C-alpha atoms as a PDB file:
ATOM      1  CA  MET A   1     113.621 106.033 148.414  1.00  0.00           C
ATOM      2  CA  ASP A   2     114.507 102.350 148.684  1.00  0.00           C
ATOM      3  CA  LEU A   3     115.223 101.710 144.997  1.00  0.00           C
ATOM      4  CA  PRO A   4     118.182 100.312 143.011  1.00  0.00           C
ATOM      5  CA  VAL A   5     117.968 103.421 140.796  1.00  0.00           C
ATOM      6  CA  GLU A   6     117.560 106.621 142.775  1.00  0.00           C
ATOM      7  CA  PRO A   7     116.451 110.062 141.590  1.00  0.00           C
ATOM      8  CA  PRO A   8     117.406 112.165 139.808  1.00  0.00           C
ATOM      9  CA  VAL A   9     118.007 110.389 136.496  1.00  0.00           C
ATOM     10  CA  ASP A  10     118.648 112.290 133.265  1.00  0.00           C
ATOM     11  CA  PRO A  11     116.168 110.973 130.690  1.00  0.00           C
ATOM     12  CA  MET A  12     117.628 109.203 127.677  1.00  0.00           C
ATOM     13  CA  LEU A  13     117.219 111.413 124.602  1.00  0.00           C
ATOM     14  CA  ALA A  14     117.006 111.068 120.819  1.00  0.00           C
ATOM     15  CA  LYS A  15     118.712 112.632 117.829  1.00  0.00           C
ATOM     16  CA  LEU A  16     116.684 113.919 114.892  1.00  0.00           C
ATOM     17  CA  ALA A  17     116.423 112.160 111.534  1.00  0.00           C
ATOM     18  CA  ARG A  18     114.240 112.949 108.525  1.00  0.00           C
ATOM     19  CA  GLU A  19     113.964 109.351 107.263  1.00  0.00           C
ATOM     20  CA  LEU A  20     112.764 106.340 109.206  1.00  0.00           C
ATOM     21  CA  PRO A  21     115.818 104.166 109.986  1.00  0.00           C
ATOM     22  CA  THR A  22     115.799 100.394 109.598  1.00  0.00           C
ATOM     23  CA  GLY A  23     117.760  97.600 111.216  1.00  0.00           C
ATOM     24  CA  ALA A  24     117.717  95.980 114.658  1.00  0.00           C
ATOM     25  CA  LEU A  25     115.240  98.527 116.006  1.00  0.00           C
ATOM     26  CA  HIS A  26     111.906  98.829 117.743  1.00  0.00           C
ATOM     27  CA  TYR A  27     109.601 101.745 116.986  1.00  0.00           C
ATOM     28  CA  GLU A  28     107.175 103.688 119.184  1.00  0.00           C
ATOM     29  CA  PRO A  29     104.911 106.696 118.624  1.00  0.00           C
ATOM     30  CA  LYS A  30     106.602 109.911 119.772  1.00  0.00           C
ATOM     31  CA  TRP A  31     104.300 111.355 122.408  1.00  0.00           C
ATOM     32  CA  ASP A  32     104.076 115.145 122.504  1.00  0.00           C
ATOM     33  CA  GLY A  33     103.648 115.657 126.230  1.00  0.00           C
ATOM     34  CA  PHE A  34     105.734 116.165 129.375  1.00  0.00           C
ATOM     35  CA  ARG A  35     108.550 113.667 129.816  1.00  0.00           C
ATOM     36  CA  CYS A  36     108.161 112.040 133.210  1.00  0.00           C
ATOM     37  CA  ILE A  37     110.176 109.427 135.091  1.00  0.00           C
ATOM     38  CA  VAL A  38     108.122 107.862 137.880  1.00  0.00           C
ATOM     39  CA  PHE A  39     109.936 106.632 141.001  1.00  0.00           C
ATOM     40  CA  ARG A  40     107.795 104.475 143.267  1.00  0.00           C
ATOM     41  CA  SER A  41     108.862 102.889 146.545  1.00  0.00           C
ATOM     42  CA  GLY A  42     105.865 101.709 148.513  1.00  0.00           C
ATOM     43  CA  ASP A  43     103.734 104.782 149.221  1.00  0.00           C
ATOM     44  CA  ASP A  44     106.551 107.142 148.246  1.00  0.00           C
ATOM     45  CA  LEU A  45     106.065 108.529 144.767  1.00  0.00           C
ATOM     46  CA  LEU A  46     108.079 111.048 142.733  1.00  0.00           C
ATOM     47  CA  LEU A  47     107.284 112.346 139.256  1.00  0.00           C
ATOM     48  CA  GLN A  48     110.480 113.774 137.750  1.00  0.00           C
ATOM     49  CA  SER A  49     110.497 116.085 134.730  1.00  0.00           C
ATOM     50  CA  ARG A  50     112.987 116.134 131.880  1.00  0.00           C
ATOM     51  CA  ASN A  51     114.897 118.919 133.642  1.00  0.00           C
ATOM     52  CA  LEU A  52     115.020 116.871 136.887  1.00  0.00           C
ATOM     53  CA  LYS A  53     112.356 118.883 138.725  1.00  0.00           C
ATOM     54  CA  PRO A  54     109.340 117.368 140.533  1.00  0.00           C
ATOM     55  CA  LEU A  55     106.001 117.392 138.719  1.00  0.00           C
ATOM     56  CA  ASP A  56     103.876 115.915 141.512  1.00  0.00           C
ATOM     57  CA  ARG A  57     102.090 119.119 142.596  1.00  0.00           C
ATOM     58  CA  TYR A  58     101.011 119.870 139.031  1.00  0.00           C
ATOM     59  CA  PHE A  59      99.386 116.459 138.468  1.00  0.00           C
ATOM     60  CA  PRO A  60      97.697 115.489 141.750  1.00  0.00           C
ATOM     61  CA  GLU A  61      95.236 113.193 139.967  1.00  0.00           C
ATOM     62  CA  MET A  62      98.062 110.820 138.993  1.00  0.00           C
ATOM     63  CA  ARG A  63      99.082 109.804 142.514  1.00  0.00           C
ATOM     64  CA  GLU A  64      96.282 107.333 143.242  1.00  0.00           C
ATOM     65  CA  PRO A  65      96.338 105.466 139.881  1.00  0.00           C
ATOM     66  CA  LEU A  66     100.138 105.251 139.801  1.00  0.00           C
ATOM     67  CA  LEU A  67     100.219 103.795 143.319  1.00  0.00           C
ATOM     68  CA  ARG A  68      97.434 101.398 142.398  1.00  0.00           C
ATOM     69  CA  LEU A  69      98.711 100.240 139.007  1.00  0.00           C
ATOM     70  CA  LEU A  70     102.519 100.331 139.146  1.00  0.00           C
ATOM     71  CA  PRO A  71     104.612  97.662 140.921  1.00  0.00           C
ATOM     72  CA  PRO A  72     105.438  98.513 144.559  1.00  0.00           C
ATOM     73  CA  ARG A  73     109.086  99.253 143.767  1.00  0.00           C
ATOM     74  CA  CYS A  74     109.909 100.480 140.280  1.00  0.00           C
ATOM     75  CA  VAL A  75     111.270 103.289 138.104  1.00  0.00           C
ATOM     76  CA  VAL A  76     109.299 103.854 134.907  1.00  0.00           C
ATOM     77  CA  ASP A  77     110.066 106.300 132.096  1.00  0.00           C
ATOM     78  CA  GLY A  78     107.158 107.741 130.158  1.00  0.00           C
ATOM     79  CA  GLU A  79     105.127 110.769 129.173  1.00  0.00           C
ATOM     80  CA  LEU A  80     102.296 112.729 130.731  1.00  0.00           C
ATOM     81  CA  VAL A  81      99.637 113.691 128.184  1.00  0.00           C
ATOM     82  CA  VAL A  82      96.200 115.309 128.263  1.00  0.00           C
ATOM     83  CA  PRO A  83      93.605 114.071 125.747  1.00  0.00           C
ATOM     84  CA  ARG A  84      90.898 116.611 124.966  1.00  0.00           C
ATOM     85  CA  GLY A  85      88.503 117.002 122.084  1.00  0.00           C
ATOM     86  CA  GLY A  86      89.669 113.834 120.361  1.00  0.00           C
ATOM     87  CA  VAL A  87      93.376 114.733 120.274  1.00  0.00           C
ATOM     88  CA  LEU A  88      96.284 115.218 122.649  1.00  0.00           C
ATOM     89  CA  ASP A  89      96.241 118.834 123.790  1.00  0.00           C
ATOM     90  CA  PHE A  90      99.686 120.179 124.700  1.00  0.00           C
ATOM     91  CA  ASP A  91      98.252 123.587 125.625  1.00  0.00           C
ATOM     92  CA  ALA A  92      96.013 121.962 128.253  1.00  0.00           C
ATOM     93  CA  LEU A  93      99.107 120.219 129.608  1.00  0.00           C
ATOM     94  CA  SER A  94     101.119 123.441 129.753  1.00  0.00           C
ATOM     95  CA  GLU A  95      98.370 125.186 131.711  1.00  0.00           C
ATOM     96  CA  ARG A  96      99.171 122.922 134.653  1.00  0.00           C
ATOM     97  CA  ILE A  97     102.452 124.689 135.387  1.00  0.00           C
ATOM     98  CA  HIS A  98     100.776 127.336 137.499  1.00  0.00           C
ATOM     99  CA  PRO A  99     101.614 128.755 140.933  1.00  0.00           C
ATOM    100  CA  ALA A 100      98.050 128.545 142.274  1.00  0.00           C
ATOM    101  CA  ASP A 101      97.140 125.158 143.769  1.00  0.00           C
ATOM    102  CA  SER A 102      93.445 125.920 143.305  1.00  0.00           C
ATOM    103  CA  ARG A 103      93.885 126.343 139.545  1.00  0.00           C
ATOM    104  CA  VAL A 104      95.986 123.175 139.275  1.00  0.00           C
ATOM    105  CA  GLN A 105      93.276 121.254 141.132  1.00  0.00           C
ATOM    106  CA  MET A 106      90.543 122.674 138.893  1.00  0.00           C
ATOM    107  CA  LEU A 107      92.459 121.733 135.731  1.00  0.00           C
ATOM    108  CA  SER A 108      93.232 118.246 137.045  1.00  0.00           C
ATOM    109  CA  GLU A 109      89.489 117.657 137.446  1.00  0.00           C
ATOM    110  CA  ARG A 110      88.491 119.282 134.162  1.00  0.00           C
ATOM    111  CA  ASP A 111      91.211 117.749 131.972  1.00  0.00           C
ATOM    112  CA  PRO A 112      92.817 114.820 133.829  1.00  0.00           C
ATOM    113  CA  ALA A 113      96.206 113.682 132.581  1.00  0.00           C
ATOM    114  CA  ARG A 114      97.309 110.211 131.584  1.00  0.00           C
ATOM    115  CA  PHE A 115     100.676 108.515 131.899  1.00  0.00           C
ATOM    116  CA  VAL A 116     102.077 106.571 128.938  1.00  0.00           C
ATOM    117  CA  ALA A 117     104.890 104.200 129.974  1.00  0.00           C
ATOM    118  CA  PHE A 118     107.637 103.315 127.503  1.00  0.00           C
ATOM    119  CA  ASP A 119     110.686 102.118 129.473  1.00  0.00           C
ATOM    120  CA  LEU A 120     111.549 100.358 132.727  1.00  0.00           C
ATOM    121  CA  LEU A 121     114.696 101.399 134.582  1.00  0.00           C
ATOM    122  CA  ALA A 122     114.270  99.377 137.769  1.00  0.00           C
ATOM    123  CA  LEU A 123     111.976  96.715 139.189  1.00  0.00           C
ATOM    124  CA  ASP A 124     112.110  95.465 142.782  1.00  0.00           C
ATOM    125  CA  ASP A 125     115.855  95.057 143.477  1.00  0.00           C
ATOM    126  CA  ARG A 126     116.855  94.925 139.789  1.00  0.00           C
ATOM    127  CA  ASP A 127     118.663  97.796 138.091  1.00  0.00           C
ATOM    128  CA  LEU A 128     117.673  97.341 134.428  1.00  0.00           C
ATOM    129  CA  MET A 129     119.480 100.319 132.932  1.00  0.00           C
ATOM    130  CA  ALA A 130     122.396  98.297 131.537  1.00  0.00           C
ATOM    131  CA  GLU A 131     120.129  95.659 130.003  1.00  0.00           C
ATOM    132  CA  PRO A 132     119.158  95.730 126.279  1.00  0.00           C
ATOM    133  CA  PHE A 133     116.006  97.599 125.341  1.00  0.00           C
ATOM    134  CA  VAL A 134     114.231  94.432 124.215  1.00  0.00           C
ATOM    135  CA  ASP A 135     114.725  92.920 127.672  1.00  0.00           C
ATOM    136  CA  ARG A 136     113.562  96.105 129.391  1.00  0.00           C
ATOM    137  CA  ARG A 137     110.511  96.202 127.142  1.00  0.00           C
ATOM    138  CA  HIS A 138     109.638  92.588 127.969  1.00  0.00           C
ATOM    139  CA  ALA A 139     109.970  93.338 131.680  1.00  0.00           C
ATOM    140  CA  LEU A 140     107.811  96.455 131.262  1.00  0.00           C
ATOM    141  CA  GLU A 141     105.085  94.468 129.499  1.00  0.00           C
ATOM    142  CA  GLN A 142     105.061  91.917 132.301  1.00  0.00           C
ATOM    143  CA  ALA A 143     105.063  94.570 135.034  1.00  0.00           C
ATOM    144  CA  LEU A 144     102.170  96.469 133.410  1.00  0.00           C
ATOM    145  CA  ARG A 145     100.204  93.525 132.027  1.00  0.00           C
ATOM    146  CA  ASP A 146      97.133  94.484 134.076  1.00  0.00           C
ATOM    147  CA  VAL A 147      97.444  98.222 133.510  1.00  0.00           C
ATOM    148  CA  GLU A 148      94.316 100.272 132.834  1.00  0.00           C
ATOM    149  CA  PRO A 149      93.522 103.945 132.201  1.00  0.00           C
ATOM    150  CA  PRO A 150      94.782 106.492 133.112  1.00  0.00           C
ATOM    151  CA  VAL A 151      98.064 104.521 132.908  1.00  0.00           C
ATOM    152  CA  HIS A 152      98.949 103.120 129.490  1.00  0.00           C
ATOM    153  CA  LEU A 153     101.667 101.051 127.841  1.00  0.00           C
ATOM    154  CA  THR A 154     102.885 102.636 124.613  1.00  0.00           C
ATOM    155  CA  PRO A 155     102.487 100.585 121.420  1.00  0.00           C
ATOM    156  CA  VAL A 156     105.712  99.135 119.988  1.00  0.00           C
ATOM    157  CA  THR A 157     106.656  97.350 116.762  1.00  0.00           C
ATOM    158  CA  ASP A 158     109.761  96.031 115.054  1.00  0.00           C
ATOM    159  CA  ASP A 159     108.142  96.383 111.605  1.00  0.00           C
ATOM    160  CA  PRO A 160     109.240  99.537 109.680  1.00  0.00           C
ATOM    161  CA  GLU A 161     106.047  99.407 107.599  1.00  0.00           C
ATOM    162  CA  VAL A 162     103.900  99.592 110.709  1.00  0.00           C
ATOM    163  CA  ALA A 163     106.062 102.454 112.006  1.00  0.00           C
ATOM    164  CA  SER A 164     105.621 104.301 108.696  1.00  0.00           C
ATOM    165  CA  ASP A 165     101.876 103.846 108.969  1.00  0.00           C
ATOM    166  CA  TRP A 166     101.951 105.254 112.514  1.00  0.00           C
ATOM    167  CA  PHE A 167     103.986 108.214 111.286  1.00  0.00           C
ATOM    168  CA  ALA A 168     101.329 109.023 108.690  1.00  0.00           C
ATOM    169  CA  ARG A 169      98.170 108.346 110.713  1.00  0.00           C
ATOM    170  CA  PHE A 170      98.926 109.347 114.282  1.00  0.00           C
ATOM    171  CA  GLU A 171      99.913 112.962 113.604  1.00  0.00           C
ATOM    172  CA  GLY A 172      96.311 114.141 113.562  1.00  0.00           C
ATOM    173  CA  ALA A 173      95.886 112.811 117.091  1.00  0.00           C
ATOM    174  CA  GLY A 174      98.573 115.148 118.407  1.00  0.00           C
ATOM    175  CA  LEU A 175     101.580 112.849 118.289  1.00  0.00           C
ATOM    176  CA  ASP A 176     104.918 114.192 117.161  1.00  0.00           C
ATOM    177  CA  GLY A 177     106.402 111.439 114.984  1.00  0.00           C
ATOM    178  CA  VAL A 178     108.110 108.105 115.666  1.00  0.00           C
ATOM    179  CA  ILE A 179     110.963 107.048 117.970  1.00  0.00           C
ATOM    180  CA  ALA A 180     113.366 104.281 116.905  1.00  0.00           C
ATOM    181  CA  LYS A 181     115.183 102.440 119.699  1.00  0.00           C
ATOM    182  CA  PRO A 182     118.137 100.064 119.162  1.00  0.00           C
ATOM    183  CA  ASP A 183     117.203  96.560 120.299  1.00  0.00           C
ATOM    184  CA  ALA A 184     120.501  96.054 122.135  1.00  0.00           C
ATOM    185  CA  GLY A 185     120.763  99.576 123.537  1.00  0.00           C
ATOM    186  CA  PRO A 186     121.085 100.144 127.298  1.00  0.00           C
ATOM    187  CA  TYR A 187     119.348 103.044 129.021  1.00  0.00           C
ATOM    188  CA  ALA A 188     121.899 105.845 128.593  1.00  0.00           C
ATOM    189  CA  PRO A 189     120.950 108.862 130.768  1.00  0.00           C
ATOM    190  CA  GLY A 190     121.278 112.198 128.981  1.00  0.00           C
ATOM    191  CA  LYS A 191     122.630 110.658 125.785  1.00  0.00           C
ATOM    192  CA  ARG A 192     120.995 110.796 122.357  1.00  0.00           C
ATOM    193  CA  THR A 193     121.158 107.103 121.562  1.00  0.00           C
ATOM    194  CA  GLN A 194     117.640 106.886 120.132  1.00  0.00           C
ATOM    195  CA  ILE A 195     116.372 108.308 116.829  1.00  0.00           C
ATOM    196  CA  LYS A 196     113.319 110.533 116.445  1.00  0.00           C
ATOM    197  CA  VAL A 197     111.646 111.071 113.098  1.00  0.00           C
ATOM    198  CA  LYS A 198     109.408 114.137 113.204  1.00  0.00           C
ATOM    199  CA  HIS A 199     106.968 115.634 110.747  1.00  0.00           C
ATOM    200  CA  GLN A 200     108.190 118.618 108.783  1.00  0.00           C
ATOM    201  CA  ARG A 201     106.564 120.519 105.951  1.00  0.00           C
ATOM    202  CA  THR A 202     106.607 124.016 104.483  1.00  0.00           C
ATOM    203  CA  ALA A 203     104.177 126.909 104.232  1.00  0.00           C
ATOM    204  CA  ASP A 204     104.113 130.389 102.747  1.00  0.00           C
ATOM    205  CA  VAL A 205     103.358 132.911 105.497  1.00  0.00           C
ATOM    206  CA  VAL A 206     102.994 136.665 105.964  1.00  0.00           C
ATOM    207  CA  VAL A 207     105.741 138.379 107.961  1.00  0.00           C
ATOM    208  CA  GLY A 208     103.721 140.894 109.964  1.00  0.00           C
ATOM    209  CA  GLY A 209     106.416 142.049 112.369  1.00  0.00           C
ATOM    210  CA  PHE A 210     109.668 141.186 114.107  1.00  0.00           C
ATOM    211  CA  ARG A 211     111.464 141.336 117.427  1.00  0.00           C
ATOM    212  CA  TRP A 212     114.996 142.591 117.979  1.00  0.00           C
ATOM    213  CA  HIS A 213     117.568 140.072 119.130  1.00  0.00           C
ATOM    214  CA  LYS A 214     118.244 140.098 122.868  1.00  0.00           C
ATOM    215  CA  ASP A 215     121.778 141.447 122.338  1.00  0.00           C
ATOM    216  CA  GLY A 216     120.424 144.341 120.269  1.00  0.00           C
ATOM    217  CA  GLU A 217     122.416 143.246 117.240  1.00  0.00           C
ATOM    218  CA  GLY A 218     119.925 142.577 114.490  1.00  0.00           C
ATOM    219  CA  VAL A 219     116.603 140.798 114.123  1.00  0.00           C
ATOM    220  CA  GLY A 220     115.908 138.060 116.639  1.00  0.00           C
ATOM    221  CA  SER A 221     112.681 136.591 115.262  1.00  0.00           C
ATOM    222  CA  LEU A 222     110.125 137.078 112.512  1.00  0.00           C
ATOM    223  CA  LEU A 223     106.446 137.149 113.470  1.00  0.00           C
ATOM    224  CA  LEU A 224     104.432 134.957 111.123  1.00  0.00           C
ATOM    225  CA  GLY A 225     100.792 135.093 110.134  1.00  0.00           C
ATOM    226  CA  LEU A 226      98.142 133.358 108.034  1.00  0.00           C
ATOM    227  CA  TYR A 227      94.722 134.547 106.888  1.00  0.00           C
ATOM    228  CA  ASP A 228      91.694 132.679 108.198  1.00  0.00           C
ATOM    229  CA  ASP A 229      88.396 132.131 106.379  1.00  0.00           C
ATOM    230  CA  ASP A 230      87.090 135.498 107.617  1.00  0.00           C
ATOM    231  CA  GLY A 231      90.040 137.392 106.150  1.00  0.00           C
ATOM    232  CA  ASN A 232      91.753 138.021 109.511  1.00  0.00           C
ATOM    233  CA  LEU A 233      95.536 137.811 109.654  1.00  0.00           C
ATOM    234  CA  ARG A 234      96.269 135.599 112.654  1.00  0.00           C
ATOM    235  CA  HIS A 235      99.646 135.355 114.345  1.00  0.00           C
ATOM    236  CA  ILE A 236     100.716 131.692 114.192  1.00  0.00           C
ATOM    237  CA  GLY A 237     104.244 131.749 115.623  1.00  0.00           C
ATOM    238  CA  VAL A 238     107.798 132.848 114.892  1.00  0.00           C
ATOM    239  CA  ALA A 239     110.879 131.974 112.874  1.00  0.00           C
ATOM    240  CA  ALA A 240     114.132 132.478 114.766  1.00  0.00           C
ATOM    241  CA  ALA A 241     117.571 130.886 115.354  1.00  0.00           C
ATOM    242  CA  PHE A 242     119.372 133.088 112.825  1.00  0.00           C
ATOM    243  CA  THR A 243     123.139 133.428 112.727  1.00  0.00           C
ATOM    244  CA  ALA A 244     124.638 136.765 113.805  1.00  0.00           C
ATOM    245  CA  ALA A 245     125.398 137.650 110.188  1.00  0.00           C
ATOM    246  CA  ARG A 246     121.874 136.761 109.055  1.00  0.00           C
ATOM    247  CA  ARG A 247     120.348 138.837 111.867  1.00  0.00           C
ATOM    248  CA  ARG A 248     122.160 141.926 110.528  1.00  0.00           C
ATOM    249  CA  GLU A 249     121.131 141.173 106.944  1.00  0.00           C
ATOM    250  CA  LEU A 250     117.493 140.970 107.969  1.00  0.00           C
ATOM    251  CA  ILE A 251     117.552 144.571 109.185  1.00  0.00           C
ATOM    252  CA  GLU A 252     118.113 145.760 105.612  1.00  0.00           C
ATOM    253  CA  GLU A 253     115.708 143.258 104.072  1.00  0.00           C
ATOM    254  CA  LEU A 254     112.870 144.292 106.390  1.00  0.00           C
ATOM    255  CA  ALA A 255     113.557 148.052 106.128  1.00  0.00           C
ATOM    256  CA  PRO A 256     111.227 148.686 103.139  1.00  0.00           C
ATOM    257  CA  TYR A 257     108.296 147.301 105.130  1.00  0.00           C
ATOM    258  CA  ARG A 258     108.852 149.278 108.334  1.00  0.00           C
ATOM    259  CA  PRO A 259     106.795 152.446 108.936  1.00  0.00           C
ATOM    260  CA  GLY A 260     108.512 155.549 107.634  1.00  0.00           C
ATOM    261  CA  GLU A 261     108.667 158.971 109.269  1.00  0.00           C
ATOM    262  CA  GLY A 262     105.159 160.203 109.904  1.00  0.00           C
ATOM    263  CA  GLU A 263     103.665 156.902 108.794  1.00  0.00           C
ATOM    264  CA  SER A 264     101.236 155.097 111.075  1.00  0.00           C
ATOM    265  CA  LEU A 265     100.384 151.437 111.149  1.00  0.00           C
ATOM    266  CA  ALA A 266      97.309 151.974 113.293  1.00  0.00           C
ATOM    267  CA  ASP A 267      95.359 149.811 110.860  1.00  0.00           C
ATOM    268  CA  HIS A 268      97.823 146.951 111.133  1.00  0.00           C
ATOM    269  CA  PRO A 269      95.918 143.685 111.803  1.00  0.00           C
ATOM    270  CA  TRP A 270      97.876 143.252 115.030  1.00  0.00           C
ATOM    271  CA  ALA A 271      97.917 146.909 116.116  1.00  0.00           C
ATOM    272  CA  ASP A 272      96.327 146.214 119.504  1.00  0.00           C
ATOM    273  CA  GLY A 273      97.893 142.802 119.923  1.00  0.00           C
ATOM    274  CA  ASP A 274      98.233 141.432 123.445  1.00  0.00           C
ATOM    275  CA  GLY A 275      98.378 137.746 122.618  1.00  0.00           C
ATOM    276  CA  ALA A 276      94.638 137.343 122.262  1.00  0.00           C
ATOM    277  CA  ALA A 277      92.585 136.705 119.127  1.00  0.00           C
ATOM    278  CA  GLY A 278      95.519 135.667 116.995  1.00  0.00           C
ATOM    279  CA  THR A 279      97.838 138.601 117.700  1.00  0.00           C
ATOM    280  CA  PRO A 280     101.417 138.686 119.079  1.00  0.00           C
ATOM    281  CA  ARG A 281     101.803 139.023 122.818  1.00  0.00           C
ATOM    282  CA  GLY A 282     103.132 142.291 124.232  1.00  0.00           C
ATOM    283  CA  PRO A 283     105.170 142.674 127.432  1.00  0.00           C
ATOM    284  CA  SER A 284     105.118 139.487 129.482  1.00  0.00           C
ATOM    285  CA  ARG A 285     102.774 139.497 132.481  1.00  0.00           C
ATOM    286  CA  TRP A 286     104.811 136.669 133.990  1.00  0.00           C
ATOM    287  CA  ASN A 287     108.246 138.191 133.581  1.00  0.00           C
ATOM    288  CA  GLN A 288     108.324 141.973 133.362  1.00  0.00           C
ATOM    289  CA  ALA A 289     112.067 141.893 132.748  1.00  0.00           C
ATOM    290  CA  LYS A 290     111.532 139.950 129.540  1.00  0.00           C
ATOM    291  CA  ASP A 291     111.143 142.272 126.567  1.00  0.00           C
ATOM    292  CA  THR A 292     108.523 140.806 124.259  1.00  0.00           C
ATOM    293  CA  ALA A 293     107.701 144.062 122.482  1.00  0.00           C
ATOM    294  CA  TRP A 294     107.541 143.680 118.728  1.00  0.00           C
ATOM    295  CA  GLN A 295     108.022 145.938 115.715  1.00  0.00           C
ATOM    296  CA  PRO A 296     105.234 146.069 113.103  1.00  0.00           C
ATOM    297  CA  LEU A 297     105.776 145.610 109.391  1.00  0.00           C
ATOM    298  CA  ARG A 298     103.366 146.309 106.573  1.00  0.00           C
ATOM    299  CA  PRO A 299     101.780 142.869 106.030  1.00  0.00           C
ATOM    300  CA  GLU A 300     103.034 142.536 102.466  1.00  0.00           C
ATOM    301  CA  LEU A 301     106.147 140.390 102.834  1.00  0.00           C
ATOM    302  CA  VAL A 302     105.847 136.638 102.234  1.00  0.00           C
ATOM    303  CA  ALA A 303     108.319 134.007 103.440  1.00  0.00           C
ATOM    304  CA  GLU A 304     108.500 130.255 103.016  1.00  0.00           C
ATOM    305  CA  VAL A 305     109.150 128.482 106.310  1.00  0.00           C
ATOM    306  CA  ALA A 306     109.570 124.884 107.426  1.00  0.00           C
ATOM    307  CA  TYR A 307     107.408 123.738 110.335  1.00  0.00           C
ATOM    308  CA  GLU A 308     106.815 120.491 112.153  1.00  0.00           C
ATOM    309  CA  GLN A 309     103.370 120.536 113.697  1.00  0.00           C
ATOM    310  CA  LEU A 310     100.265 122.659 114.001  1.00  0.00           C
ATOM    311  CA  GLN A 311      98.697 122.867 117.482  1.00  0.00           C
ATOM    312  CA  GLY A 312      95.219 124.280 117.026  1.00  0.00           C
ATOM    313  CA  ASP A 313      95.705 127.383 114.886  1.00  0.00           C
ATOM    314  CA  ARG A 314      99.350 127.982 115.859  1.00  0.00           C
ATOM    315  CA  LEU A 315     102.702 126.359 115.210  1.00  0.00           C
ATOM    316  CA  ARG A 316     103.628 123.976 118.011  1.00  0.00           C
ATOM    317  CA  HIS A 317     107.350 124.806 117.641  1.00  0.00           C
ATOM    318  CA  GLY A 318     109.266 127.659 116.076  1.00  0.00           C
ATOM    319  CA  ALA A 319     109.490 127.615 112.283  1.00  0.00           C
ATOM    320  CA  ARG A 320     112.687 127.683 110.229  1.00  0.00           C
ATOM    321  CA  PHE A 321     113.062 130.446 107.647  1.00  0.00           C
ATOM    322  CA  LEU A 322     113.797 129.092 104.162  1.00  0.00           C
ATOM    323  CA  ARG A 323     113.482 131.974 101.674  1.00  0.00           C
ATOM    324  CA  TRP A 324     111.509 135.030 100.648  1.00  0.00           C
ATOM    325  CA  ARG A 325     108.623 134.552  98.218  1.00  0.00           C
ATOM    326  CA  PRO A 326     108.315 137.798  96.213  1.00  0.00           C
ATOM    327  CA  ASP A 327     106.118 135.913  93.738  1.00  0.00           C
ATOM    328  CA  ARG A 328     103.379 135.398  96.326  1.00  0.00           C
ATOM    329  CA  ASP A 329     100.684 137.878  97.347  1.00  0.00           C
ATOM    330  CA  ALA A 330     100.279 138.139 101.093  1.00  0.00           C
ATOM    331  CA  ASP A 331      96.510 137.631 100.959  1.00  0.00           C
ATOM    332  CA  SER A 332      97.055 134.223  99.351  1.00  0.00           C
ATOM    333  CA  CYS A 333      98.769 132.920 102.517  1.00  0.00           C
ATOM    334  CA  ARG A 334      95.873 131.101 104.112  1.00  0.00           C
ATOM    335  CA  TYR A 335      95.352 128.245 106.540  1.00  0.00           C
ATOM    336  CA  ASP A 336      93.973 126.025 103.803  1.00  0.00           C
ATOM    337  CA  GLN A 337      97.507 125.438 102.458  1.00  0.00           C
ATOM    338  CA  LEU A 338      98.526 123.582 105.615  1.00  0.00           C
ATOM    339  CA  GLU A 339      98.422 119.823 105.733  1.00  0.00           C
ATOM    340  CA  THR A 340      96.045 118.740 108.487  1.00  0.00           C
ATOM    341  CA  PRO A 341      95.466 114.971 108.344  1.00  0.00           C
ATOM    342  CA  PRO A 342      92.326 113.700 110.084  1.00  0.00           C
ATOM    343  CA  PRO A 343      92.868 112.700 113.701  1.00  0.00           C
ATOM    344  CA  ALA A 344      93.525 109.066 114.508  1.00  0.00           C
ATOM    345  CA  GLU A 345      91.289 107.553 117.166  1.00  0.00           C
ATOM    346  CA  LEU A 346      92.718 108.108 120.629  1.00  0.00           C
ATOM    347  CA  ALA A 347      90.844 104.990 121.672  1.00  0.00           C
ATOM    348  CA  GLN A 348      93.113 103.008 119.354  1.00  0.00           C
ATOM    349  CA  LEU A 349      96.251 104.624 120.740  1.00  0.00           C
ATOM    350  CA  PHE A 350      95.218 104.165 124.362  1.00  0.00           C
ATOM    351  CA  ALA A 351      93.616 100.746 123.860  1.00  0.00           C
ATOM    352  CA  VAL A 352      90.445 101.810 125.643  1.00  0.00           C
END
């Protein structure tokens, strides 16, 4: 490609904070999609993922609008998202990574993606990576001043109060928090020079099973569940990332809830679980070498966990174990305890 910045480029990253920082910063919504750096040189187009792999074949519907709406020679950092049902749907996005071209094409027509631009690395013969963010943002606004869907320019503000409002309101639309970018910061590939503030809250959940750690030394993850309005215990995700010592401790702590000799858990809510209808998935159909078998526990043990975001009826990311809750009855662990703010209007976010 005939560009001053050539692929691949490691995307600039962000470090996590729990409080919104202030100072010489600009703030943007944190999009919960696929990171994508777009390289365009004439009719040559490359969509690069966060891990430096091409995304073009998975998003064929983006080629025509990107060629039509982006400058002839540019490198633009952004995010691919899929809006569906009034929110951004990460599951619909993930479905695109599929080996069958026919399925990718079908999904691209059913749930077309959009590209949200938030940084400009190069324009014409200019390498902008060493320039301050505020200058790159100004250049991006000028380059995309006539942009229209399905390409969008992310909102930005230098007002912490506006950013706090975004943090509170945009979560229901499927966004993941707020990004703070230093005004004078250059584009630093692979470095965590930005700050991300993500939602985190706690919930009391039923521990309905566990998986052994991959090295065979202790418990690798706890399988978490919540009761729905019909009284069904639905698998919502896992808590993992335990230290080696904690993994060994969990073996003893879970022992009283494991089936004893001659005991059957055939009536366990997830007894026939294969990943459908709110149950844990069994052996992987994609990777037979990956052991995803799980061990059942009597659904009586309650844990408090920290989580960031709910995607549909499941946790978007793994939860963090906080403590046991022996004072809670398992049947009191219901979905209605979760905070689910009403969705913000995607039309407002996308300016359409």
